[in-house]
Amino acid sequence: MYHVTVTRWRLYSPAFRAALAERRAAVWGAAADRLRAVLSAAVDALADALNDPDHPARTAVALAVLKLAGPLPVVPAEPTDPDEVVRELVEAKRDRLRERSDDLNALDGLPGYDAHERAVRKRLVLLAGPPDPPAALPAPPPAICGGTSSPAAAGNRRNVDKC
């Protein structure tokens, strides 16, 4: 798959963006769960280090883990529903129009919300485009010094002469 296709999908495909956000949330959630699992040990290490001044490195590690924990949970806030991705795009467009104009009628000229949402969906489908066709598999190399009866290998005398 070409990186251009993935970039188009990431920028313009609500379904892809939602699936990507869902996967990112799962990855971050798993990392947050692992971090939560070591918090107790970090607090124990910190308490031990505070009681025993011979463990300064342990204190630094415990503090680093506690700083990483921060305010939990640490999960991206991107929508995981394609419809919500489209709604956010429509709202962002309408908000930009409102911010650029002091006019109370800034949204005049835009279609109604539902029509605007349909137009955004249609535009995104066009921009995301179809998936790239699968790349053609390269032909296998001809047999150089072997017993093959393929016409390609038999016709390649240069390879046979090297044996």
Protein backbone atom coordinates (compact mmCIF):
# COMPACT_ATOMS: atom_id res chain seq x y z
CA MET A 1 0.00 0.00 0.00
CA TYR A 2 1.34 3.41 -0.89
CA HIS A 3 1.95 6.04 1.79
CA VAL A 4 -0.06 8.51 -0.31
CA THR A 5 -3.13 6.30 0.05
CA VAL A 6 -2.73 6.10 3.81
CA THR A 7 -2.23 9.87 4.00
CA ARG A 8 -5.39 10.48 1.93
CA TRP A 9 -7.37 8.14 4.16
CA ARG A 10 -5.91 9.70 7.33
CA LEU A 11 -6.88 13.17 6.12
CA TYR A 12 -10.19 12.53 4.38
CA SER A 13 -11.74 9.19 5.35
CA PRO A 14 -13.99 9.43 8.41
CA ALA A 15 -14.07 5.64 8.78
CA PHE A 16 -10.26 5.38 8.65
CA ARG A 17 -9.79 8.32 11.03
CA ALA A 18 -12.25 6.80 13.48
CA ALA A 19 -10.60 3.37 13.30
CA LEU A 20 -7.17 4.96 13.77
CA ALA A 21 -8.40 6.92 16.79
CA GLU A 22 -9.93 3.76 18.24
CA ARG A 23 -6.65 1.87 17.81
CA ARG A 24 -4.65 4.74 19.31
CA ALA A 25 -7.01 4.84 22.27
CA ALA A 26 -6.52 1.10 22.78
CA VAL A 27 -2.73 1.46 22.67
CA TRP A 28 -2.77 4.41 25.07
CA GLY A 29 -5.24 2.58 27.29
CA ALA A 30 -2.97 -0.45 27.49
CA ALA A 31 0.01 1.76 28.32
CA ALA A 32 -2.01 3.56 31.00
CA ASP A 33 -3.04 0.19 32.48
CA ARG A 34 0.61 -0.92 32.64
CA LEU A 35 1.54 2.37 34.26
CA ARG A 36 -1.24 2.01 36.83
CA ALA A 37 0.06 -1.49 37.62
CA VAL A 38 3.50 -0.16 38.62
CA LEU A 39 2.25 2.88 40.53
CA SER A 40 1.94 0.91 43.75
CA ALA A 41 5.51 -0.35 43.43
CA ALA A 42 6.70 3.19 42.66
CA VAL A 43 5.02 4.52 45.79
CA ASP A 44 6.51 1.64 47.80
CA ALA A 45 9.98 2.37 46.38
CA LEU A 46 9.57 6.04 47.18
CA ALA A 47 8.51 5.23 50.74
CA ASP A 48 11.45 2.83 51.15
CA ALA A 49 13.87 5.39 49.74
CA LEU A 50 12.53 8.09 52.01
CA ASN A 51 13.11 5.79 54.97
CA ASP A 52 16.56 4.65 53.72
CA PRO A 53 18.86 7.40 52.43
CA ASP A 54 21.13 4.81 50.73
CA HIS A 55 18.79 4.48 47.70
CA PRO A 56 18.97 7.81 45.79
CA ALA A 57 18.68 6.16 42.34
CA ARG A 58 15.57 4.30 43.38
CA THR A 59 13.99 7.58 44.41
CA ALA A 60 14.70 9.10 41.01
CA VAL A 61 13.07 6.13 39.24
CA ALA A 62 10.05 6.22 41.54
CA LEU A 63 9.60 9.96 40.96
CA ALA A 64 9.92 9.49 37.19
CA VAL A 65 7.17 6.85 37.22
CA LEU A 66 4.92 9.08 39.31
CA LYS A 67 5.50 12.01 36.95
CA LEU A 68 4.64 9.80 33.99
CA ALA A 69 1.41 8.77 35.69
CA GLY A 70 0.23 12.36 35.73
CA PRO A 71 -3.51 12.87 35.69
CA LEU A 72 -4.91 9.51 34.57
CA PRO A 73 -6.30 8.37 32.21
CA VAL A 74 -4.09 9.51 29.35
CA VAL A 75 -6.21 8.68 26.31
CA PRO A 76 -6.45 10.64 23.04
CA ALA A 77 -9.73 12.50 22.68
CA GLU A 78 -10.25 11.90 18.96
CA PRO A 79 -13.62 10.50 17.92
CA THR A 80 -13.83 6.77 17.27
CA ASP A 81 -17.09 7.00 15.30
CA PRO A 82 -16.97 8.01 11.60
CA ASP A 83 -20.17 10.03 11.99
CA GLU A 84 -18.59 11.97 14.84
CA VAL A 85 -15.50 12.67 12.69
CA VAL A 86 -17.78 14.24 10.06
CA ARG A 87 -19.75 16.18 12.69
CA GLU A 88 -16.50 17.62 14.08
CA LEU A 89 -15.41 18.72 10.60
CA VAL A 90 -18.76 20.40 9.92
CA GLU A 91 -18.73 22.13 13.33
CA ALA A 92 -15.13 23.29 12.82
CA LYS A 93 -16.03 24.80 9.43
CA ARG A 94 -19.04 26.57 10.89
CA ASP A 95 -17.02 27.79 13.89
CA ARG A 96 -14.33 29.22 11.59
CA LEU A 97 -16.98 31.14 9.67
CA ARG A 98 -18.45 32.50 12.91
CA GLU A 99 -15.02 33.55 14.21
CA ARG A 100 -14.07 35.38 10.99
CA SER A 101 -17.15 37.50 10.96
CA ASP A 102 -18.76 39.78 13.49
CA ASP A 103 -21.90 39.49 11.41
CA LEU A 104 -24.62 37.49 13.12
CA ASN A 105 -25.55 36.09 9.71
CA ALA A 106 -22.09 34.61 9.07
CA LEU A 107 -23.58 31.21 8.24
CA ASP A 108 -25.85 32.66 5.56
CA GLY A 109 -25.00 31.06 2.26
CA LEU A 110 -24.12 27.75 3.87
CA PRO A 111 -26.54 24.88 3.42
CA GLY A 112 -28.54 23.65 6.38
CA TYR A 113 -26.65 21.49 8.86
CA ASP A 114 -27.78 18.14 7.41
CA ALA A 115 -27.07 19.22 3.82
CA HIS A 116 -23.70 20.59 4.93
CA GLU A 117 -22.90 17.26 6.59
CA ARG A 118 -23.84 15.36 3.42
CA ALA A 119 -21.66 17.72 1.33
CA VAL A 120 -18.71 17.18 3.67
CA ARG A 121 -19.17 13.39 3.48
CA LYS A 122 -19.30 13.53 -0.32
CA ARG A 123 -16.16 15.70 -0.45
CA LEU A 124 -14.30 13.38 1.90
CA VAL A 125 -15.21 10.32 -0.18
CA LEU A 126 -13.85 12.04 -3.29
CA LEU A 127 -10.68 13.18 -1.51
CA ALA A 128 -10.04 9.79 0.12
CA GLY A 129 -10.33 8.13 -3.27
CA PRO A 130 -10.42 4.43 -3.95
CA PRO A 131 -7.74 2.17 -2.55
CA ASP A 132 -4.71 1.74 -4.74
CA PRO A 133 -4.71 -1.40 -6.84
CA PRO A 134 -2.42 -4.06 -5.46
CA ALA A 135 1.08 -3.77 -6.79
CA ALA A 136 1.91 -6.32 -9.43
CA LEU A 137 4.05 -9.08 -8.05
CA PRO A 138 7.46 -9.20 -9.69
CA ALA A 139 8.13 -12.20 -11.88
CA PRO A 140 10.26 -14.83 -10.19
CA PRO A 141 13.89 -14.76 -11.33
CA PRO A 142 14.77 -17.32 -13.99
CA ALA A 143 16.63 -20.40 -12.87
CA ILE A 144 20.32 -19.85 -13.49
CA CYS A 145 21.80 -23.32 -13.21
CA GLY A 146 19.00 -25.70 -12.59
CA GLY A 147 16.68 -28.07 -14.27
CA THR A 148 13.70 -25.94 -15.12
CA SER A 149 11.50 -26.34 -18.09
CA SER A 150 9.95 -22.88 -18.03
CA PRO A 151 10.05 -21.07 -21.37
CA ALA A 152 11.51 -17.96 -19.73
CA ALA A 153 14.40 -19.88 -18.21
CA ALA A 154 14.99 -21.93 -21.36
CA GLY A 155 15.10 -18.81 -23.51
CA ASN A 156 17.57 -17.06 -21.23
CA ARG A 157 20.83 -18.42 -22.69
CA ARG A 158 22.93 -15.75 -21.00
CA ASN A 159 22.14 -17.26 -17.58
CA VAL A 160 22.73 -20.80 -18.82
CA ASP A 161 26.10 -19.83 -20.26
CA LYS A 162 27.27 -18.70 -16.79
CA CYS A 163 26.97 -22.22 -15.34
